[in-house]
PDB file of N, CA and C in Angstrom:
ATOM      1  N   UNK A   1      15.291  -8.818 -14.581  1.00  0.00           N
ATOM      2  CA  UNK A   1      13.927  -8.762 -13.434  1.00  0.00           C
ATOM      3  C   UNK A   1      14.880  -7.758 -11.928  1.00  0.00           C
ATOM      4  N   UNK A   2      13.808  -7.304 -11.661  1.00  0.00           N
ATOM      5  CA  UNK A   2      14.019  -6.298 -10.087  1.00  0.00           C
ATOM      6  C   UNK A   2      13.917  -6.671  -9.272  1.00  0.00           C
ATOM      7  N   UNK A   3      14.653  -6.583  -8.584  1.00  0.00           N
ATOM      8  CA  UNK A   3      14.684  -6.731  -6.634  1.00  0.00           C
ATOM      9  C   UNK A   3      13.089  -5.844  -6.498  1.00  0.00           C
ATOM     10  N   UNK A   4      13.250  -7.133  -5.012  1.00  0.00           N
ATOM     11  CA  UNK A   4      11.488  -6.257  -4.292  1.00  0.00           C
ATOM     12  C   UNK A   4      11.589  -4.979  -4.036  1.00  0.00           C
ATOM     13  N   UNK A   5      12.632  -4.251  -3.835  1.00  0.00           N
ATOM     14  CA  UNK A   5      12.628  -2.582  -3.652  1.00  0.00           C
ATOM     15  C   UNK A   5      12.340  -1.654  -4.865  1.00  0.00           C
ATOM     16  N   UNK A   6      13.278  -2.306  -6.264  1.00  0.00           N
ATOM     17  CA  UNK A   6      13.103  -1.946  -7.515  1.00  0.00           C
ATOM     18  C   UNK A   6      11.336  -1.693  -7.806  1.00  0.00           C
ATOM     19  N   UNK A   7      10.822  -3.205  -7.569  1.00  0.00           N
ATOM     20  CA  UNK A   7       9.548  -3.265  -8.192  1.00  0.00           C
ATOM     21  C   UNK A   7       8.909  -2.763  -7.143  1.00  0.00           C
ATOM     22  N   UNK A   8       8.643  -2.482  -5.917  1.00  0.00           N
ATOM     23  CA  UNK A   8       8.268  -1.172  -5.291  1.00  0.00           C
ATOM     24  C   UNK A   8       7.856  -0.342  -5.288  1.00  0.00           C
ATOM     25  N   UNK A   9       9.309  -0.131  -6.036  1.00  0.00           N
ATOM     26  CA  UNK A   9       9.044   1.869  -6.155  1.00  0.00           C
ATOM     27  C   UNK A   9       8.540   1.849  -7.658  1.00  0.00           C
ATOM     28  N   UNK A  10       8.880   0.865  -8.375  1.00  0.00           N
ATOM     29  CA  UNK A  10       7.935   1.034  -9.479  1.00  0.00           C
ATOM     30  C   UNK A  10       6.353   1.034  -9.549  1.00  0.00           C
ATOM     31  N   UNK A  11       5.945   0.113  -8.524  1.00  0.00           N
ATOM     32  CA  UNK A  11       4.398   0.324  -7.746  1.00  0.00           C
ATOM     33  C   UNK A  11       4.132   1.235  -8.196  1.00  0.00           C
ATOM     34  N   UNK A  12       4.845   2.062  -7.031  1.00  0.00           N
ATOM     35  CA  UNK A  12       4.502   3.246  -6.298  1.00  0.00           C
ATOM     36  C   UNK A  12       4.455   4.344  -7.577  1.00  0.00           C
ATOM     37  N   UNK A  13       5.959   4.272  -8.347  1.00  0.00           N
ATOM     38  CA  UNK A  13       5.544   5.164  -9.801  1.00  0.00           C
ATOM     39  C   UNK A  13       4.511   5.320 -10.710  1.00  0.00           C
ATOM     40  N   UNK A  14       3.992   3.735 -10.945  1.00  0.00           N
ATOM     41  CA  UNK A  14       2.869   3.482 -11.526  1.00  0.00           C
ATOM     42  C   UNK A  14       1.135   3.836 -11.376  1.00  0.00           C
ATOM     43  N   UNK A  15       1.385   4.591  -9.883  1.00  0.00           N
ATOM     44  CA  UNK A  15       0.105   5.460  -9.543  1.00  0.00           C
ATOM     45  C   UNK A  15       0.118   6.803 -10.563  1.00  0.00           C
ATOM     46  N   UNK A  16       1.620   7.273 -10.206  1.00  0.00           N
ATOM     47  CA  UNK A  16       1.768   8.520 -11.113  1.00  0.00           C
ATOM     48  C   UNK A  16       1.981   9.063 -12.682  1.00  0.00           C
ATOM     49  N   UNK A  17       2.296   7.579 -13.561  1.00  0.00           N
ATOM     50  CA  UNK A  17       3.076   7.984 -14.739  1.00  0.00           C
ATOM     51  C   UNK A  17       2.510   5.951 -15.114  1.00  0.00           C
ATOM     52  N   UNK A  18       2.746   6.542 -16.749  1.00  0.00           N
ATOM     53  CA  UNK A  18       2.624   4.930 -17.277  1.00  0.00           C
ATOM     54  C   UNK A  18       3.856   4.519 -17.221  1.00  0.00           C
ATOM     55  N   UNK A  19       3.812   3.229 -17.412  1.00  0.00           N
ATOM     56  CA  UNK A  19       5.416   2.299 -16.946  1.00  0.00           C
ATOM     57  C   UNK A  19       5.606   1.888 -19.059  1.00  0.00           C
ATOM     58  N   UNK A  20       7.022   2.042 -18.647  1.00  0.00           N
ATOM     59  CA  UNK A  20       7.316   1.713 -20.016  1.00  0.00           C
ATOM     60  C   UNK A  20       7.182   0.169 -20.738  1.00  0.00           C
ATOM     61  N   UNK A  21       7.074  -0.282 -21.872  1.00  0.00           N
ATOM     62  CA  UNK A  21       7.336  -1.592 -21.866  1.00  0.00           C
ATOM     63  C   UNK A  21       8.089  -2.702 -20.742  1.00  0.00           C
ATOM     64  N   UNK A  22       9.549  -2.186 -21.184  1.00  0.00           N
ATOM     65  CA  UNK A  22      10.150  -2.515 -20.092  1.00  0.00           C
ATOM     66  C   UNK A  22      10.136  -2.784 -18.535  1.00  0.00           C
ATOM     67  N   UNK A  23      10.043  -1.897 -17.833  1.00  0.00           N
ATOM     68  CA  UNK A  23       9.223  -1.387 -17.121  1.00  0.00           C
ATOM     69  C   UNK A  23       8.072  -2.469 -16.455  1.00  0.00           C
ATOM     70  N   UNK A  24       7.324  -2.250 -17.689  1.00  0.00           N
ATOM     71  CA  UNK A  24       6.234  -3.802 -17.122  1.00  0.00           C
ATOM     72  C   UNK A  24       6.292  -4.810 -17.182  1.00  0.00           C
ATOM     73  N   UNK A  25       7.220  -5.471 -18.183  1.00  0.00           N
ATOM     74  CA  UNK A  25       7.974  -6.821 -18.425  1.00  0.00           C
ATOM     75  C   UNK A  25       9.021  -6.887 -17.024  1.00  0.00           C
ATOM     76  N   UNK A  26       9.613  -5.916 -16.819  1.00  0.00           N
ATOM     77  CA  UNK A  26       9.974  -6.760 -15.353  1.00  0.00           C
ATOM     78  C   UNK A  26       9.147  -6.700 -14.551  1.00  0.00           C
ATOM     79  N   UNK A  27       8.532  -5.507 -14.511  1.00  0.00           N
ATOM     80  CA  UNK A  27       8.066  -6.187 -12.689  1.00  0.00           C
ATOM     81  C   UNK A  27       7.035  -7.224 -12.742  1.00  0.00           C
ATOM     82  N   UNK A  28       6.181  -7.135 -13.947  1.00  0.00           N
ATOM     83  CA  UNK A  28       5.573  -8.877 -14.593  1.00  0.00           C
ATOM     84  C   UNK A  28       6.170  -9.508 -13.896  1.00  0.00           C
ATOM     85  N   UNK A  29       7.631 -10.004 -14.545  1.00  0.00           N
ATOM     86  CA  UNK A  29       8.645 -10.682 -14.024  1.00  0.00           C
ATOM     87  C   UNK A  29       8.294 -11.147 -12.712  1.00  0.00           C
ATOM     88  N   UNK A  30       8.652 -10.127 -11.993  1.00  0.00           N
ATOM     89  CA  UNK A  30       8.738  -9.937 -10.767  1.00  0.00           C
ATOM     90  C   UNK A  30       7.601 -10.479  -9.176  1.00  0.00           C
ATOM     91  N   UNK A  31       6.081  -9.802 -10.385  1.00  0.00           N
ATOM     92  CA  UNK A  31       5.476 -10.703  -9.837  1.00  0.00           C
ATOM     93  C   UNK A  31       5.033 -12.028  -9.438  1.00  0.00           C
ATOM     94  N   UNK A  32       5.810 -12.392 -10.602  1.00  0.00           N
ATOM     95  CA  UNK A  32       4.777 -13.593 -11.303  1.00  0.00           C
ATOM     96  C   UNK A  32       5.416 -14.469  -9.768  1.00  0.00           C
ATOM     97  N   UNK A  33       6.908 -14.196  -9.731  1.00  0.00           N
ATOM     98  CA  UNK A  33       8.347 -15.545  -8.625  1.00  0.00           C
ATOM     99  C   UNK A  33       7.954 -14.477  -7.032  1.00  0.00           C
ATOM    100  N   UNK A  34       7.445 -13.104  -6.685  1.00  0.00           N
ATOM    101  CA  UNK A  34       7.667 -12.583  -5.375  1.00  0.00           C
ATOM    102  C   UNK A  34       6.340 -12.884  -5.030  1.00  0.00           C
ATOM    103  N   UNK A  35       5.627 -13.581  -3.666  1.00  0.00           N
ATOM    104  CA  UNK A  35       4.046 -13.450  -3.387  1.00  0.00           C
ATOM    105  C   UNK A  35       4.181 -12.308  -2.452  1.00  0.00           C
ATOM    106  N   UNK A  36       5.326 -11.595  -1.885  1.00  0.00           N
ATOM    107  CA  UNK A  36       4.945 -10.636  -1.245  1.00  0.00           C
ATOM    108  C   UNK A  36       4.989  -8.889  -1.778  1.00  0.00           C
ATOM    109  N   UNK A  37       5.434  -9.493  -3.332  1.00  0.00           N
ATOM    110  CA  UNK A  37       5.243  -7.842  -3.457  1.00  0.00           C
ATOM    111  C   UNK A  37       4.114  -8.147  -4.559  1.00  0.00           C
ATOM    112  N   UNK A  38       3.558  -9.462  -4.927  1.00  0.00           N
ATOM    113  CA  UNK A  38       2.153  -8.602  -4.541  1.00  0.00           C
ATOM    114  C   UNK A  38       0.978  -8.971  -4.136  1.00  0.00           C
ATOM    115  N   UNK A  39       1.094  -9.186  -3.110  1.00  0.00           N
ATOM    116  CA  UNK A  39       0.567  -8.682  -1.755  1.00  0.00           C
ATOM    117  C   UNK A  39       1.175  -7.178  -1.521  1.00  0.00           C
ATOM    118  N   UNK A  40       1.995  -6.599  -1.937  1.00  0.00           N
ATOM    119  CA  UNK A  40       2.302  -5.446  -2.281  1.00  0.00           C
ATOM    120  C   UNK A  40       1.422  -4.544  -3.650  1.00  0.00           C
ATOM    121  N   UNK A  41       1.673  -5.250  -4.066  1.00  0.00           N
ATOM    122  CA  UNK A  41       0.594  -4.159  -5.369  1.00  0.00           C
ATOM    123  C   UNK A  41      -0.515  -4.422  -5.120  1.00  0.00           C
ATOM    124  N   UNK A  42      -1.852  -5.806  -4.512  1.00  0.00           N
ATOM    125  CA  UNK A  42      -2.688  -5.930  -4.218  1.00  0.00           C
ATOM    126  C   UNK A  42      -3.032  -4.622  -3.504  1.00  0.00           C
ATOM    127  N   UNK A  43      -2.262  -4.450  -2.565  1.00  0.00           N
ATOM    128  CA  UNK A  43      -2.524  -3.514  -1.123  1.00  0.00           C
ATOM    129  C   UNK A  43      -2.766  -1.994  -1.644  1.00  0.00           C
ATOM    130  N   UNK A  44      -1.792  -1.554  -2.399  1.00  0.00           N
ATOM    131  CA  UNK A  44      -1.834  -0.367  -3.808  1.00  0.00           C
ATOM    132  C   UNK A  44      -3.652  -0.240  -4.252  1.00  0.00           C
ATOM    133  N   UNK A  45      -3.475  -1.588  -5.197  1.00  0.00           N
ATOM    134  CA  UNK A  45      -4.377  -0.873  -6.037  1.00  0.00           C
ATOM    135  C   UNK A  45      -5.839  -0.657  -4.380  1.00  0.00           C
ATOM    136  N   UNK A  46      -5.774  -1.397  -3.572  1.00  0.00           N
ATOM    137  CA  UNK A  46      -7.321  -1.266  -2.713  1.00  0.00           C
ATOM    138  C   UNK A  46      -6.977   0.174  -1.922  1.00  0.00           C
ATOM    139  N   UNK A  47      -5.299   0.732  -1.819  1.00  0.00           N
ATOM    140  CA  UNK A  47      -5.570   2.298  -1.075  1.00  0.00           C
ATOM    141  C   UNK A  47      -6.009   3.227  -2.450  1.00  0.00           C
ATOM    142  N   UNK A  48      -5.470   2.851  -3.547  1.00  0.00           N
ATOM    143  CA  UNK A  48      -5.789   3.876  -4.906  1.00  0.00           C
ATOM    144  C   UNK A  48      -7.438   3.646  -4.946  1.00  0.00           C
ATOM    145  N   UNK A  49      -7.924   2.999  -4.946  1.00  0.00           N
ATOM    146  CA  UNK A  49      -9.421   3.381  -4.998  1.00  0.00           C
ATOM    147  C   UNK A  49     -10.141   3.338  -3.595  1.00  0.00           C
ATOM    148  N   UNK A  50      -9.890   2.975  -2.399  1.00  0.00           N
ATOM    149  CA  UNK A  50     -10.118   3.536  -1.330  1.00  0.00           C
ATOM    150  C   UNK A  50     -10.194   5.305  -1.220  1.00  0.00           C
ATOM    151  N   UNK A  51      -9.056   5.996  -1.652  1.00  0.00           N
ATOM    152  CA  UNK A  51      -8.407   7.480  -1.986  1.00  0.00           C
ATOM    153  C   UNK A  51      -9.162   7.664  -3.076  1.00  0.00           C
ATOM    154  N   UNK A  52      -9.466   7.598  -4.138  1.00  0.00           N
ATOM    155  CA  UNK A  52     -10.387   7.813  -5.206  1.00  0.00           C
ATOM    156  C   UNK A  52     -11.532   7.983  -4.372  1.00  0.00           C
ATOM    157  N   UNK A  53     -12.350   7.046  -3.992  1.00  0.00           N
ATOM    158  CA  UNK A  53     -13.611   7.644  -3.759  1.00  0.00           C
ATOM    159  C   UNK A  53     -13.553   8.342  -3.008  1.00  0.00           C
ATOM    160  N   UNK A  54     -12.511   8.097  -1.919  1.00  0.00           N
ATOM    161  CA  UNK A  54     -12.622  10.145  -1.394  1.00  0.00           C
ATOM    162  C   UNK A  54     -12.698  10.815  -1.352  1.00  0.00           C
ATOM    163  N   UNK A  55     -12.071  10.966  -2.850  1.00  0.00           N
ATOM    164  CA  UNK A  55     -11.622  12.166  -3.238  1.00  0.00           C
ATOM    165  C   UNK A  55     -12.795  12.623  -4.032  1.00  0.00           C
ATOM    166  N   UNK A  56     -12.883  11.770  -4.358  1.00  0.00           N
ATOM    167  CA  UNK A  56     -14.622  12.858  -4.614  1.00  0.00           C
ATOM    168  C   UNK A  56     -15.901  12.342  -3.691  1.00  0.00           C
ATOM    169  N   UNK A  57     -15.860  11.955  -2.696  1.00  0.00           N
ATOM    170  CA  UNK A  57     -16.756  12.189  -2.021  1.00  0.00           C
ATOM    171  C   UNK A  57     -16.793  14.028  -1.148  1.00  0.00           C
ATOM    172  N   UNK A  58     -18.400  14.609  -1.449  1.00  0.00           N
ATOM    173  CA  UNK A  58     -18.515  15.826  -0.670  1.00  0.00           C
ATOM    174  C   UNK A  58     -18.091  15.661   1.124  1.00  0.00           C
ATOM    175  N   UNK A  59     -17.384  16.395   1.461  1.00  0.00           N
ATOM    176  CA  UNK A  59     -17.353  17.067   2.931  1.00  0.00           C
ATOM    177  C   UNK A  59     -17.205  17.982   3.368  1.00  0.00           C
ATOM    178  N   UNK A  60     -18.446  18.173   4.441  1.00  0.00           N
ATOM    179  CA  UNK A  60     -19.237  19.018   4.890  1.00  0.00           C
ATOM    180  C   UNK A  60     -17.996  19.631   5.635  1.00  0.00           C
ATOM    181  N   UNK A  61     -17.100  18.932   6.162  1.00  0.00           N
ATOM    182  CA  UNK A  61     -16.133  19.170   7.914  1.00  0.00           C
ATOM    183  C   UNK A  61     -15.010  18.333   7.233  1.00  0.00           C
ATOM    184  N   UNK A  62     -14.873  18.111   8.524  1.00  0.00           N
ATOM    185  CA  UNK A  62     -13.635  17.587   8.981  1.00  0.00           C
ATOM    186  C   UNK A  62     -13.940  15.967   9.135  1.00  0.00           C
ATOM    187  N   UNK A  63     -13.602  15.375   9.257  1.00  0.00           N
ATOM    188  CA  UNK A  63     -13.233  13.980   8.715  1.00  0.00           C
ATOM    189  C   UNK A  63     -13.508  13.114  10.443  1.00  0.00           C
ATOM    190  N   UNK A  64     -14.795  12.811  10.555  1.00  0.00           N
ATOM    191  CA  UNK A  64     -14.960  12.145  11.911  1.00  0.00           C
ATOM    192  C   UNK A  64     -14.570  10.556  11.542  1.00  0.00           C
ATOM    193  N   UNK A  65     -13.754   9.771  12.914  1.00  0.00           N
ATOM    194  CA  UNK A  65     -13.856   8.816  12.954  1.00  0.00           C
ATOM    195  C   UNK A  65     -14.306   7.631  13.898  1.00  0.00           C
ATOM    196  N   UNK A  66     -14.950   7.167  13.687  1.00  0.00           N
ATOM    197  CA  UNK A  66     -15.667   6.462  14.672  1.00  0.00           C
ATOM    198  C   UNK A  66     -14.471   5.802  16.088  1.00  0.00           C
ATOM    199  N   UNK A  67     -14.568   5.457  17.529  1.00  0.00           N
ATOM    200  CA  UNK A  67     -13.695   4.797  18.088  1.00  0.00           C
ATOM    201  C   UNK A  67     -13.009   3.558  17.707  1.00  0.00           C
ATOM    202  N   UNK A  68     -14.451   2.815  17.625  1.00  0.00           N
ATOM    203  CA  UNK A  68     -13.722   1.282  16.987  1.00  0.00           C
ATOM    204  C   UNK A  68     -12.960   1.422  15.137  1.00  0.00           C
ATOM    205  N   UNK A  69     -13.350   2.552  14.540  1.00  0.00           N
ATOM    206  CA  UNK A  69     -12.626   2.163  13.379  1.00  0.00           C
ATOM    207  C   UNK A  69     -11.258   3.328  14.176  1.00  0.00           C
ATOM    208  N   UNK A  70     -10.920   4.052  14.885  1.00  0.00           N
ATOM    209  CA  UNK A  70      -9.907   4.449  15.269  1.00  0.00           C
ATOM    210  C   UNK A  70      -8.789   3.432  15.600  1.00  0.00           C
ATOM    211  N   UNK A  71      -9.885   2.438  16.762  1.00  0.00           N
ATOM    212  CA  UNK A  71      -8.733   1.619  17.071  1.00  0.00           C
ATOM    213  C   UNK A  71      -8.478   0.608  16.350  1.00  0.00           C
ATOM    214  N   UNK A  72      -9.419   0.567  15.071  1.00  0.00           N
ATOM    215  CA  UNK A  72      -8.745  -1.162  14.321  1.00  0.00           C
ATOM    216  C   UNK A  72      -7.506  -0.133  13.169  1.00  0.00           C
ATOM    217  N   UNK A  73      -7.707   0.701  12.900  1.00  0.00           N
ATOM    218  CA  UNK A  73      -6.231   1.973  12.637  1.00  0.00           C
ATOM    219  C   UNK A  73      -5.286   1.163  13.087  1.00  0.00           C
ATOM    220  N   UNK A  74      -5.038   1.403  14.270  1.00  0.00           N
ATOM    221  CA  UNK A  74      -4.335   2.066  15.382  1.00  0.00           C
ATOM    222  C   UNK A  74      -3.712   0.156  15.509  1.00  0.00           C
ATOM    223  N   UNK A  75      -4.469  -0.906  15.574  1.00  0.00           N
ATOM    224  CA  UNK A  75      -3.944  -1.830  16.097  1.00  0.00           C
ATOM    225  C   UNK A  75      -3.130  -2.281  14.402  1.00  0.00           C
ATOM    226  N   UNK A  76      -4.005  -2.509  13.273  1.00  0.00           N
ATOM    227  CA  UNK A  76      -3.522  -2.619  12.122  1.00  0.00           C
ATOM    228  C   UNK A  76      -1.859  -1.727  11.968  1.00  0.00           C
ATOM    229  N   UNK A  77      -1.730  -0.548  12.622  1.00  0.00           N
ATOM    230  CA  UNK A  77      -0.988   0.376  12.147  1.00  0.00           C
ATOM    231  C   UNK A  77       0.041  -0.399  13.151  1.00  0.00           C
ATOM    232  N   UNK A  78      -0.039  -1.174  14.380  1.00  0.00           N
ATOM    233  CA  UNK A  78       0.972  -1.493  14.873  1.00  0.00           C
ATOM    234  C   UNK A  78       1.426  -2.390  15.034  1.00  0.00           C
ATOM    235  N   UNK A  79       0.338  -3.504  14.060  1.00  0.00           N
ATOM    236  CA  UNK A  79       1.205  -4.733  13.830  1.00  0.00           C
ATOM    237  C   UNK A  79       2.235  -4.769  12.673  1.00  0.00           C
ATOM    238  N   UNK A  80       1.616  -3.959  11.974  1.00  0.00           N
ATOM    239  CA  UNK A  80       2.742  -3.412  10.592  1.00  0.00           C
ATOM    240  C   UNK A  80       3.895  -2.823  11.148  1.00  0.00           C
ATOM    241  N   UNK A  81       4.069  -2.270  12.535  1.00  0.00           N
ATOM    242  CA  UNK A  81       5.444  -1.756  12.108  1.00  0.00           C
ATOM    243  C   UNK A  81       5.743  -2.645  13.600  1.00  0.00           C
ATOM    244  N   UNK A  82       5.667  -3.391  13.786  1.00  0.00           N
ATOM    245  CA  UNK A  82       5.801  -4.800  15.037  1.00  0.00           C
ATOM    246  C   UNK A  82       7.480  -4.688  15.208  1.00  0.00           C
ATOM    247  N   UNK A  83       7.868  -5.541  15.972  1.00  0.00           N
ATOM    248  CA  UNK A  83       9.373  -6.165  15.893  1.00  0.00           C
ATOM    249  C   UNK A  83       9.723  -7.021  14.768  1.00  0.00           C
ATOM    250  N   UNK A  84      10.646  -7.570  15.833  1.00  0.00           N
ATOM    251  CA  UNK A  84      10.686  -9.261  15.528  1.00  0.00           C
ATOM    252  C   UNK A  84      10.211 -10.032  16.071  1.00  0.00           C
ATOM    253  N   UNK A  85      10.116  -9.091  17.442  1.00  0.00           N
ATOM    254  CA  UNK A  85       9.413 -10.168  18.880  1.00  0.00           C
ATOM    255  C   UNK A  85       7.709  -9.530  18.524  1.00  0.00           C
ATOM    256  N   UNK A  86       7.747  -9.278  17.459  1.00  0.00           N
ATOM    257  CA  UNK A  86       5.545  -8.995  17.594  1.00  0.00           C
ATOM    258  C   UNK A  86       5.695  -7.780  18.532  1.00  0.00           C
ATOM    259  N   UNK A  87       6.258  -6.667  19.236  1.00  0.00           N
ATOM    260  CA  UNK A  87       6.315  -6.467  20.121  1.00  0.00           C
ATOM    261  C   UNK A  87       5.929  -4.854  19.092  1.00  0.00           C
ATOM    262  N   UNK A  88       5.051  -3.991  19.795  1.00  0.00           N
ATOM    263  CA  UNK A  88       5.253  -2.876  18.978  1.00  0.00           C
ATOM    264  C   UNK A  88       6.142  -1.780  19.159  1.00  0.00           C
ATOM    265  N   UNK A  89       6.828  -1.272  18.387  1.00  0.00           N
ATOM    266  CA  UNK A  89       7.717  -0.261  18.667  1.00  0.00           C
ATOM    267  C   UNK A  89       7.754   0.515  20.002  1.00  0.00           C
ATOM    268  N   UNK A  90       8.905   1.063  20.848  1.00  0.00           N
ATOM    269  CA  UNK A  90       8.940   1.588  21.610  1.00  0.00           C
ATOM    270  C   UNK A  90       7.842   3.145  21.479  1.00  0.00           C
ATOM    271  N   UNK A  91       7.239   3.853  22.384  1.00  0.00           N
ATOM    272  CA  UNK A  91       7.008   4.961  21.876  1.00  0.00           C
ATOM    273  C   UNK A  91       7.719   5.873  23.249  1.00  0.00           C
TER     274      UNK A  91
END
């Protein structure tokens, strides 16, 4: 069975190639036990579907985000990168 590090690497690899039966089995076993990796796999699937939709979307110029969208992205990135004390990293 995979460690979390191995499982996350295999999940990322699966975006670019077909997994071998043994990789698939070991990954499924790990995901059965590990909720954090299940969450990571779910997030990867969401990200992939968004990127596929964006790839197929015609763009006439640079993509412009609204101020609320930029603020939401910034808050989420700060939450992801926050240290153990909940504070964002120093800039």
